[in-house]
Amino acid sequence: MPRKPIAQLSFTQIYPLLVQKAERKGRTREDVDTVTRWLTGYSRDDLERQLARDVTYEAFFAEAPCLNPNRTLITGKICGVDVATIEDPIEQNARYLDKLVDELARGRAMDKILRQPPKS
């Protein structure tokens, strides 16, 4: 059976898995919501509406109010793939989110996760 492209996966079905990953390591759903809102620009209510609508990753990122320009500061590998080298923007944004949740699960401090550009 062929794998579905990330863009076609249901964000509503993947989101609880992201929360579970964080909660297993002592983080909270609110922590996951914080990094998700940082990445996408959704408000708390808008994020809840997206989850209720059962949108795909493609729709979730396409409808994001303001993708954080500092998301390009997220580096490293997820599933063995360097996030900076992913060409498909939807897959890259999905992997950015996964990377942020991984950092939560590893106990990284929230201020480090929510990257700030280097000060000149």
N, C-alpha and C. Protein backbone atom coordinates (compact mmCIF):
# COMPACT_ATOMS: atom_id res chain seq x y z
N MET A 1 0.85 -1.17 0.00
CA MET A 1 0.00 0.00 0.00
C MET A 1 0.90 1.24 0.00
N PRO A 2 0.71 2.15 -0.96
CA PRO A 2 1.56 3.34 -1.03
C PRO A 2 1.30 4.29 0.13
N ARG A 3 2.39 4.96 0.55
CA ARG A 3 2.27 5.94 1.63
C ARG A 3 1.61 7.20 1.11
N LYS A 4 0.81 7.82 1.97
CA LYS A 4 0.19 9.10 1.66
C LYS A 4 1.23 10.20 1.79
N PRO A 5 1.22 11.17 0.88
CA PRO A 5 2.11 12.31 1.07
C PRO A 5 1.73 13.06 2.36
N ILE A 6 2.71 13.66 3.00
CA ILE A 6 2.45 14.39 4.25
C ILE A 6 1.35 15.42 4.06
N ALA A 7 1.33 16.09 2.93
CA ALA A 7 0.34 17.14 2.68
C ALA A 7 -1.08 16.62 2.80
N GLN A 8 -1.30 15.35 2.52
CA GLN A 8 -2.65 14.78 2.54
C GLN A 8 -3.01 14.13 3.88
N LEU A 9 -2.06 14.06 4.80
CA LEU A 9 -2.36 13.50 6.11
C LEU A 9 -3.26 14.45 6.89
N SER A 10 -4.10 13.90 7.73
CA SER A 10 -5.01 14.68 8.54
C SER A 10 -4.26 15.28 9.73
N PHE A 11 -4.21 16.60 9.79
CA PHE A 11 -3.58 17.25 10.93
C PHE A 11 -4.31 16.88 12.21
N THR A 12 -5.61 16.75 12.14
CA THR A 12 -6.42 16.41 13.31
C THR A 12 -6.06 15.04 13.86
N GLN A 13 -5.66 14.11 13.00
CA GLN A 13 -5.28 12.78 13.47
C GLN A 13 -3.83 12.75 13.98
N ILE A 14 -2.97 13.56 13.40
CA ILE A 14 -1.56 13.59 13.80
C ILE A 14 -1.36 14.38 15.09
N TYR A 15 -2.13 15.44 15.27
CA TYR A 15 -1.97 16.33 16.42
C TYR A 15 -1.98 15.59 17.77
N PRO A 16 -2.94 14.67 18.01
CA PRO A 16 -2.92 13.95 19.30
C PRO A 16 -1.64 13.13 19.49
N LEU A 17 -1.05 12.65 18.41
CA LEU A 17 0.20 11.90 18.51
C LEU A 17 1.34 12.82 18.94
N LEU A 18 1.32 14.06 18.44
CA LEU A 18 2.31 15.04 18.85
C LEU A 18 2.16 15.36 20.34
N VAL A 19 0.91 15.50 20.78
CA VAL A 19 0.64 15.78 22.20
C VAL A 19 1.10 14.60 23.05
N GLN A 20 0.79 13.38 22.62
CA GLN A 20 1.21 12.19 23.37
C GLN A 20 2.72 12.13 23.51
N LYS A 21 3.43 12.42 22.43
CA LYS A 21 4.89 12.41 22.46
C LYS A 21 5.40 13.37 23.53
N ALA A 22 4.83 14.56 23.57
CA ALA A 22 5.25 15.56 24.56
C ALA A 22 4.87 15.14 25.97
N GLU A 23 3.64 14.64 26.14
CA GLU A 23 3.16 14.28 27.47
C GLU A 23 3.93 13.11 28.07
N ARG A 24 4.39 12.18 27.24
CA ARG A 24 5.18 11.05 27.75
C ARG A 24 6.46 11.53 28.43
N LYS A 25 6.90 12.72 28.05
CA LYS A 25 8.14 13.28 28.63
C LYS A 25 7.87 14.43 29.59
N GLY A 26 6.62 14.52 30.09
CA GLY A 26 6.31 15.50 31.11
C GLY A 26 5.93 16.88 30.61
N ARG A 27 5.74 17.03 29.31
CA ARG A 27 5.29 18.31 28.78
C ARG A 27 3.77 18.25 28.64
N THR A 28 3.15 19.36 28.22
CA THR A 28 1.69 19.44 28.20
C THR A 28 1.17 19.74 26.80
N ARG A 29 -0.14 19.57 26.66
CA ARG A 29 -0.79 19.96 25.41
C ARG A 29 -0.60 21.46 25.19
N GLU A 30 -0.65 22.23 26.25
CA GLU A 30 -0.45 23.69 26.12
C GLU A 30 0.94 23.99 25.55
N ASP A 31 1.94 23.21 25.93
CA ASP A 31 3.28 23.38 25.35
C ASP A 31 3.25 23.12 23.85
N VAL A 32 2.57 22.05 23.45
CA VAL A 32 2.46 21.73 22.02
C VAL A 32 1.70 22.84 21.30
N ASP A 33 0.62 23.33 21.92
CA ASP A 33 -0.13 24.44 21.32
C ASP A 33 0.74 25.68 21.18
N THR A 34 1.57 25.95 22.17
CA THR A 34 2.44 27.13 22.13
C THR A 34 3.39 27.07 20.95
N VAL A 35 4.05 25.92 20.75
CA VAL A 35 4.99 25.83 19.62
C VAL A 35 4.25 25.82 18.29
N THR A 36 3.06 25.22 18.27
CA THR A 36 2.26 25.19 17.03
C THR A 36 1.81 26.60 16.67
N ARG A 37 1.36 27.37 17.66
CA ARG A 37 0.92 28.74 17.39
C ARG A 37 2.12 29.62 17.01
N TRP A 38 3.27 29.40 17.63
CA TRP A 38 4.48 30.15 17.28
C TRP A 38 4.83 29.91 15.81
N LEU A 39 4.76 28.66 15.39
CA LEU A 39 5.13 28.30 14.03
C LEU A 39 4.16 28.86 13.00
N THR A 40 2.86 28.85 13.32
CA THR A 40 1.83 29.14 12.31
C THR A 40 1.15 30.49 12.43
N GLY A 41 1.19 31.09 13.59
CA GLY A 41 0.48 32.36 13.78
C GLY A 41 -0.98 32.19 14.14
N TYR A 42 -1.44 30.95 14.29
CA TYR A 42 -2.83 30.74 14.71
C TYR A 42 -3.03 31.22 16.14
N SER A 43 -4.21 31.76 16.43
CA SER A 43 -4.58 32.05 17.81
C SER A 43 -5.04 30.73 18.44
N ARG A 44 -5.24 30.73 19.73
CA ARG A 44 -5.73 29.54 20.43
C ARG A 44 -7.07 29.08 19.83
N ASP A 45 -7.99 30.03 19.62
CA ASP A 45 -9.31 29.69 19.07
C ASP A 45 -9.20 29.19 17.63
N ASP A 46 -8.36 29.84 16.85
CA ASP A 46 -8.19 29.41 15.45
C ASP A 46 -7.61 28.00 15.37
N LEU A 47 -6.66 27.69 16.24
CA LEU A 47 -6.09 26.34 16.27
C LEU A 47 -7.18 25.32 16.60
N GLU A 48 -8.01 25.63 17.58
CA GLU A 48 -9.11 24.72 17.94
C GLU A 48 -10.08 24.53 16.77
N ARG A 49 -10.35 25.61 16.04
CA ARG A 49 -11.25 25.51 14.86
C ARG A 49 -10.63 24.61 13.79
N GLN A 50 -9.34 24.74 13.57
CA GLN A 50 -8.68 23.90 12.57
C GLN A 50 -8.76 22.43 12.98
N LEU A 51 -8.55 22.16 14.25
CA LEU A 51 -8.63 20.78 14.73
C LEU A 51 -10.05 20.23 14.57
N ALA A 52 -11.05 21.06 14.81
CA ALA A 52 -12.45 20.62 14.69
C ALA A 52 -12.84 20.37 13.23
N ARG A 53 -12.19 21.07 12.32
CA ARG A 53 -12.52 20.92 10.89
C ARG A 53 -11.89 19.70 10.24
N ASP A 54 -10.97 19.05 10.92
CA ASP A 54 -10.28 17.88 10.36
C ASP A 54 -9.58 18.22 9.05
N VAL A 55 -8.70 19.21 9.10
CA VAL A 55 -7.99 19.65 7.90
C VAL A 55 -6.75 18.80 7.66
N THR A 56 -6.29 18.81 6.42
CA THR A 56 -5.03 18.16 6.07
C THR A 56 -3.88 19.09 6.47
N TYR A 57 -2.68 18.53 6.49
CA TYR A 57 -1.50 19.37 6.72
C TYR A 57 -1.44 20.48 5.67
N GLU A 58 -1.77 20.13 4.43
CA GLU A 58 -1.73 21.12 3.36
C GLU A 58 -2.63 22.31 3.68
N ALA A 59 -3.86 22.05 4.07
CA ALA A 59 -4.80 23.13 4.41
C ALA A 59 -4.36 23.85 5.68
N PHE A 60 -3.88 23.10 6.65
CA PHE A 60 -3.46 23.69 7.92
C PHE A 60 -2.38 24.75 7.69
N PHE A 61 -1.38 24.41 6.89
CA PHE A 61 -0.30 25.37 6.65
C PHE A 61 -0.68 26.42 5.63
N ALA A 62 -1.50 26.07 4.64
CA ALA A 62 -1.93 27.06 3.65
C ALA A 62 -2.79 28.15 4.28
N GLU A 63 -3.56 27.80 5.30
CA GLU A 63 -4.46 28.75 5.95
C GLU A 63 -3.82 29.42 7.17
N ALA A 64 -2.58 29.08 7.45
CA ALA A 64 -1.90 29.68 8.61
C ALA A 64 -1.82 31.19 8.44
N PRO A 65 -2.19 31.94 9.47
CA PRO A 65 -2.20 33.40 9.36
C PRO A 65 -0.83 33.99 9.04
N CYS A 66 0.22 33.44 9.65
CA CYS A 66 1.55 34.02 9.45
C CYS A 66 2.60 33.01 9.89
N LEU A 67 3.14 32.28 8.92
CA LEU A 67 4.21 31.34 9.27
C LEU A 67 5.39 32.13 9.82
N ASN A 68 5.90 31.71 10.94
CA ASN A 68 6.96 32.45 11.62
C ASN A 68 8.22 32.48 10.75
N PRO A 69 8.73 33.66 10.43
CA PRO A 69 9.93 33.73 9.60
C PRO A 69 11.14 33.10 10.29
N ASN A 70 11.13 33.00 11.61
CA ASN A 70 12.25 32.39 12.33
C ASN A 70 12.23 30.87 12.28
N ARG A 71 11.22 30.29 11.62
CA ARG A 71 11.16 28.83 11.52
C ARG A 71 12.38 28.29 10.77
N THR A 72 12.98 29.12 9.93
CA THR A 72 14.16 28.66 9.18
C THR A 72 15.37 28.50 10.10
N LEU A 73 15.27 28.97 11.34
CA LEU A 73 16.34 28.77 12.31
C LEU A 73 16.29 27.37 12.93
N ILE A 74 15.22 26.62 12.63
CA ILE A 74 15.10 25.25 13.12
C ILE A 74 16.02 24.39 12.26
N THR A 75 16.94 23.71 12.91
CA THR A 75 17.89 22.88 12.18
C THR A 75 17.89 21.48 12.76
N GLY A 76 18.55 20.60 12.08
CA GLY A 76 18.68 19.23 12.56
C GLY A 76 17.92 18.26 11.69
N LYS A 77 17.88 17.04 12.16
CA LYS A 77 17.25 15.97 11.38
C LYS A 77 16.01 15.47 12.09
N ILE A 78 15.05 15.09 11.26
CA ILE A 78 13.84 14.44 11.75
C ILE A 78 13.61 13.25 10.83
N CYS A 79 13.48 12.09 11.40
CA CYS A 79 13.35 10.85 10.61
C CYS A 79 14.53 10.70 9.65
N GLY A 80 15.71 11.15 10.09
CA GLY A 80 16.92 11.01 9.28
C GLY A 80 17.08 12.00 8.16
N VAL A 81 16.16 12.97 8.07
CA VAL A 81 16.21 13.96 6.99
C VAL A 81 16.49 15.33 7.58
N ASP A 82 17.46 16.04 7.01
CA ASP A 82 17.79 17.40 7.45
C ASP A 82 16.64 18.32 7.05
N VAL A 83 16.01 18.97 8.05
CA VAL A 83 14.83 19.79 7.77
C VAL A 83 15.14 20.94 6.82
N ALA A 84 16.35 21.44 6.83
CA ALA A 84 16.72 22.56 5.96
C ALA A 84 16.76 22.17 4.49
N THR A 85 16.90 20.89 4.20
CA THR A 85 17.03 20.45 2.81
C THR A 85 15.71 19.99 2.18
N ILE A 86 14.64 19.98 2.95
CA ILE A 86 13.34 19.54 2.42
C ILE A 86 12.81 20.61 1.48
N GLU A 87 12.50 20.21 0.26
CA GLU A 87 12.08 21.17 -0.76
C GLU A 87 10.59 21.48 -0.75
N ASP A 88 9.76 20.51 -0.41
CA ASP A 88 8.32 20.71 -0.37
C ASP A 88 7.97 21.54 0.86
N PRO A 89 7.41 22.75 0.68
CA PRO A 89 7.17 23.62 1.84
C PRO A 89 6.19 23.04 2.86
N ILE A 90 5.21 22.28 2.41
CA ILE A 90 4.26 21.70 3.37
C ILE A 90 4.96 20.63 4.20
N GLU A 91 5.72 19.77 3.54
CA GLU A 91 6.45 18.75 4.27
C GLU A 91 7.48 19.40 5.20
N GLN A 92 8.14 20.45 4.74
CA GLN A 92 9.13 21.11 5.58
C GLN A 92 8.47 21.70 6.82
N ASN A 93 7.33 22.38 6.65
CA ASN A 93 6.64 22.95 7.81
C ASN A 93 6.15 21.87 8.76
N ALA A 94 5.66 20.75 8.22
CA ALA A 94 5.23 19.64 9.07
C ALA A 94 6.42 19.09 9.86
N ARG A 95 7.56 18.99 9.21
CA ARG A 95 8.76 18.49 9.89
C ARG A 95 9.30 19.49 10.90
N TYR A 96 9.15 20.79 10.60
CA TYR A 96 9.51 21.81 11.59
C TYR A 96 8.68 21.60 12.86
N LEU A 97 7.38 21.39 12.69
CA LEU A 97 6.51 21.18 13.85
C LEU A 97 6.93 19.94 14.61
N ASP A 98 7.21 18.87 13.89
CA ASP A 98 7.65 17.64 14.53
C ASP A 98 8.96 17.86 15.29
N LYS A 99 9.86 18.62 14.72
CA LYS A 99 11.14 18.92 15.36
C LYS A 99 10.92 19.73 16.65
N LEU A 100 10.01 20.70 16.60
CA LEU A 100 9.71 21.50 17.79
C LEU A 100 9.16 20.62 18.91
N VAL A 101 8.27 19.70 18.56
CA VAL A 101 7.70 18.79 19.56
C VAL A 101 8.78 17.84 20.09
N ASP A 102 9.69 17.39 19.23
CA ASP A 102 10.81 16.57 19.70
C ASP A 102 11.64 17.32 20.74
N GLU A 103 11.87 18.60 20.47
CA GLU A 103 12.65 19.41 21.40
C GLU A 103 11.91 19.57 22.73
N LEU A 104 10.59 19.71 22.67
CA LEU A 104 9.79 19.74 23.90
C LEU A 104 10.01 18.44 24.68
N ALA A 105 9.88 17.33 23.97
CA ALA A 105 9.98 16.01 24.60
C ALA A 105 11.37 15.78 25.19
N ARG A 106 12.38 16.39 24.62
CA ARG A 106 13.73 16.24 25.15
C ARG A 106 14.01 17.18 26.32
N GLY A 107 13.01 17.99 26.68
CA GLY A 107 13.17 18.85 27.84
C GLY A 107 13.83 20.19 27.58
N ARG A 108 13.96 20.55 26.31
CA ARG A 108 14.58 21.83 25.99
C ARG A 108 13.70 22.97 26.51
N ALA A 109 14.32 24.03 26.94
CA ALA A 109 13.59 25.18 27.47
C ALA A 109 12.78 25.86 26.36
N MET A 110 11.58 26.32 26.72
CA MET A 110 10.68 26.92 25.74
C MET A 110 11.33 28.12 25.04
N ASP A 111 12.09 28.95 25.77
CA ASP A 111 12.69 30.11 25.13
C ASP A 111 13.73 29.71 24.08
N LYS A 112 14.33 28.54 24.22
CA LYS A 112 15.27 28.04 23.20
C LYS A 112 14.51 27.46 22.00
N ILE A 113 13.38 26.83 22.29
CA ILE A 113 12.58 26.23 21.22
C ILE A 113 12.00 27.31 20.32
N LEU A 114 11.51 28.38 20.93
CA LEU A 114 10.90 29.49 20.17
C LEU A 114 12.03 30.42 19.75
N ARG A 115 12.70 30.03 18.71
CA ARG A 115 13.92 30.70 18.26
C ARG A 115 13.75 32.19 18.04
N GLN A 116 14.76 32.88 18.46
CA GLN A 116 14.85 34.30 18.21
C GLN A 116 16.04 34.52 17.27
N PRO A 117 15.95 35.47 16.36
CA PRO A 117 17.08 35.69 15.48
C PRO A 117 18.29 36.17 16.27
N PRO A 118 19.49 35.89 15.79
CA PRO A 118 20.69 36.34 16.50
C PRO A 118 20.70 37.87 16.59
N LYS A 119 21.13 38.38 17.73
CA LYS A 119 21.21 39.83 17.91
C LYS A 119 22.49 40.34 17.26
N SER A 120 22.35 41.46 16.56
CA SER A 120 23.52 42.03 15.86
C SER A 120 24.43 42.73 16.81
